[in-house]
Amino acid sequence: MIALGVVTLLEHPSQLEDLIRDPSLSKPFVEELCRYHTASALATRRVAKEDITLRGQVMKAGEGIIASNQACNRDEEVFPDPDKFDLHRKRGSEEALGYGWGEHRCIAEWLARAELETVFSTLFKKLPNLKLGIPHSEVAYTEPTRDVGITKLPVVW
């Protein structure tokens, strides 16, 4: 997630400047980063215990569903303009599913958030000239069937 955050900030220089000016924006930055780049490609599988109707769709007891956290985090009914990265995104009661949900939520979520918030509140202040060491088009991402990430990220400063 650190590499994804670095690339994302370098792609959005005005938001990087905002974060440098106001390190307290590291918290909403991390929230938006986890929504925008939902790390886990794992889809949650559930089986209906009883007949239910959800958004007009009937599921009978015993039928299953696979819910993708990545797809949920790009739901335009919940996150307007979902394909746009915006650390200033106005939030209501909705919550991104970057760390899962319910009993299967990542146990290390708060540690990971604290680490990311610390990194992004200080990284570009300590290394103000940090840039990609390769063209953006050459950044190596993980395979689409794996968790989202960057396999190698050469940088210079």
Protein backbone atom coordinates (compact mmCIF):
# COMPACT_ATOMS: atom_id res chain seq x y z
CA MET A 1 0.00 0.00 0.00
CA ILE A 2 2.91 2.37 0.55
CA ALA A 3 4.04 1.96 -3.07
CA LEU A 4 0.44 2.38 -4.29
CA GLY A 5 0.14 5.52 -2.18
CA VAL A 6 3.37 6.99 -3.55
CA VAL A 7 2.28 6.39 -7.15
CA THR A 8 -1.20 7.74 -6.45
CA LEU A 9 0.14 10.95 -4.91
CA LEU A 10 2.59 11.47 -7.77
CA GLU A 11 -0.35 11.04 -10.17
CA HIS A 12 -2.31 13.69 -8.23
CA PRO A 13 0.20 16.50 -7.54
CA SER A 14 -2.34 19.00 -6.19
CA GLN A 15 -3.48 16.47 -3.60
CA LEU A 16 0.16 15.71 -2.76
CA GLU A 17 0.70 19.44 -2.15
CA ASP A 18 -2.38 19.51 0.10
CA LEU A 19 -1.01 16.59 2.11
CA ILE A 20 2.43 18.19 2.45
CA ARG A 21 0.84 21.45 3.65
CA ASP A 22 -1.51 19.67 6.06
CA PRO A 23 -0.22 16.32 7.37
CA SER A 24 -3.52 15.79 9.23
CA LEU A 25 -4.92 14.91 5.78
CA SER A 26 -3.02 11.62 6.05
CA LYS A 27 -6.08 10.03 7.69
CA PRO A 28 -8.56 10.84 4.88
CA PHE A 29 -5.81 10.08 2.36
CA VAL A 30 -5.40 6.56 3.77
CA GLU A 31 -9.18 6.04 3.83
CA GLU A 32 -9.45 7.07 0.18
CA LEU A 33 -6.35 5.08 -0.78
CA CYS A 34 -7.85 1.92 0.74
CA ARG A 35 -11.11 2.55 -1.12
CA TYR A 36 -9.50 3.41 -4.44
CA HIS A 37 -6.88 0.63 -4.34
CA THR A 38 -8.71 -2.06 -2.41
CA ALA A 39 -5.76 -4.32 -1.74
CA SER A 40 -7.54 -7.62 -1.37
CA ALA A 41 -8.86 -9.29 -4.49
CA LEU A 42 -10.53 -11.78 -2.18
CA ALA A 43 -14.26 -11.88 -2.68
CA THR A 44 -16.43 -12.68 0.31
CA ARG A 45 -18.64 -15.72 -0.12
CA ARG A 46 -21.92 -15.93 1.74
CA VAL A 47 -24.86 -18.33 1.77
CA ALA A 48 -28.39 -17.17 2.60
CA LYS A 49 -29.68 -18.86 5.76
CA GLU A 50 -33.25 -17.97 4.83
CA ASP A 51 -35.06 -16.51 1.85
CA ILE A 52 -34.25 -12.80 1.53
CA THR A 53 -34.84 -9.97 -0.90
CA LEU A 54 -31.97 -7.55 -1.36
CA ARG A 55 -32.41 -4.57 -3.66
CA GLY A 56 -35.20 -6.34 -5.46
CA GLN A 57 -33.28 -9.58 -5.94
CA VAL A 58 -34.59 -12.73 -4.28
CA MET A 59 -32.12 -15.16 -2.76
CA LYS A 60 -33.47 -18.46 -1.54
CA ALA A 61 -32.10 -20.19 1.55
CA GLY A 62 -28.99 -22.13 0.57
CA GLU A 63 -28.14 -19.95 -2.43
CA GLY A 64 -24.80 -18.23 -2.45
CA ILE A 65 -23.38 -14.88 -3.38
CA ILE A 66 -19.85 -13.67 -3.93
CA ALA A 67 -19.32 -10.03 -2.96
CA SER A 68 -16.20 -8.27 -4.18
CA ASN A 69 -14.83 -5.59 -1.84
CA GLN A 70 -13.18 -3.99 -4.87
CA ALA A 71 -16.51 -3.69 -6.68
CA CYS A 72 -18.25 -2.42 -3.55
CA ASN A 73 -15.66 0.35 -3.19
CA ARG A 74 -16.47 1.53 -6.73
CA ASP A 75 -20.26 1.56 -6.22
CA GLU A 76 -21.36 4.93 -7.59
CA GLU A 77 -24.49 4.90 -5.42
CA VAL A 78 -22.22 4.97 -2.36
CA PHE A 79 -19.14 6.79 -3.69
CA PRO A 80 -20.03 9.42 -6.31
CA ASP A 81 -17.52 9.52 -9.16
CA PRO A 82 -15.94 6.30 -7.81
CA ASP A 83 -13.13 6.05 -10.35
CA LYS A 84 -11.74 9.43 -9.28
CA PHE A 85 -9.17 9.54 -6.47
CA ASP A 86 -10.06 12.37 -4.09
CA LEU A 87 -8.55 12.65 -0.63
CA HIS A 88 -11.10 15.43 0.02
CA ARG A 89 -14.02 13.09 -0.75
CA LYS A 90 -16.96 14.03 1.45
CA ARG A 91 -17.90 11.10 3.63
CA GLY A 92 -21.20 10.29 5.23
CA SER A 93 -21.95 7.15 7.17
CA GLU A 94 -20.58 4.91 4.39
CA GLU A 95 -17.38 3.05 4.97
CA ALA A 96 -14.95 1.72 2.40
CA LEU A 97 -14.29 -2.00 2.53
CA GLY A 98 -10.53 -1.87 2.07
CA TYR A 99 -10.02 -4.12 5.08
CA GLY A 100 -13.09 -6.27 4.69
CA TRP A 101 -16.19 -6.20 6.84
CA GLY A 102 -17.78 -7.95 9.77
CA GLU A 103 -16.21 -10.99 11.37
CA HIS A 104 -13.80 -11.36 8.45
CA ARG A 105 -12.43 -7.82 8.76
CA CYS A 106 -8.62 -7.67 8.81
CA ILE A 107 -7.38 -8.03 12.37
CA ALA A 108 -4.39 -5.79 11.63
CA GLU A 109 -6.46 -2.97 10.09
CA TRP A 110 -5.71 -0.37 12.76
CA LEU A 111 -2.01 -1.15 12.81
CA ALA A 112 -1.89 -0.88 9.01
CA ARG A 113 -3.81 2.40 9.06
CA ALA A 114 -1.48 3.84 11.73
CA GLU A 115 1.57 2.84 9.70
CA LEU A 116 0.18 4.31 6.49
CA GLU A 117 -0.90 7.54 8.19
CA THR A 118 2.58 7.92 9.71
CA VAL A 119 4.30 7.26 6.38
CA PHE A 120 2.16 9.65 4.38
CA SER A 121 2.20 12.45 6.96
CA THR A 122 6.03 12.50 6.77
CA LEU A 123 7.41 10.83 3.61
CA PHE A 124 7.25 13.76 1.19
CA LYS A 125 8.42 16.21 3.87
CA LYS A 126 11.52 14.08 4.46
CA LEU A 127 12.02 13.38 0.73
CA PRO A 128 10.47 16.39 -1.04
CA ASN A 129 12.05 15.50 -4.39
CA LEU A 130 10.82 11.89 -4.39
CA LYS A 131 9.91 10.86 -7.94
CA LEU A 132 9.45 7.69 -9.91
CA GLY A 133 12.73 6.34 -11.25
CA ILE A 134 10.94 4.97 -14.31
CA PRO A 135 8.10 6.22 -16.53
CA HIS A 136 4.70 5.68 -14.92
CA SER A 137 3.78 3.33 -17.77
CA GLU A 138 6.55 0.96 -16.63
CA VAL A 139 5.34 0.58 -13.03
CA ALA A 140 4.91 -3.17 -12.46
CA TYR A 141 1.57 -4.06 -10.88
CA THR A 142 0.54 -7.47 -9.57
CA GLU A 143 -1.51 -9.79 -11.75
CA PRO A 144 -5.24 -8.92 -11.77
CA THR A 145 -6.13 -12.20 -10.06
CA ARG A 146 -3.93 -11.41 -7.04
CA ASP A 147 -4.13 -8.81 -4.34
CA VAL A 148 -3.60 -5.31 -5.71
CA GLY A 149 -0.06 -4.05 -5.38
CA ILE A 150 3.12 -2.95 -7.06
CA THR A 151 5.82 -5.56 -7.49
CA LYS A 152 8.72 -3.13 -7.91
CA LEU A 153 8.90 0.65 -7.65
CA PRO A 154 12.21 2.35 -8.46
CA VAL A 155 12.29 5.88 -7.06
CA VAL A 156 14.81 8.70 -6.97
CA TRP A 157 15.17 11.74 -4.70
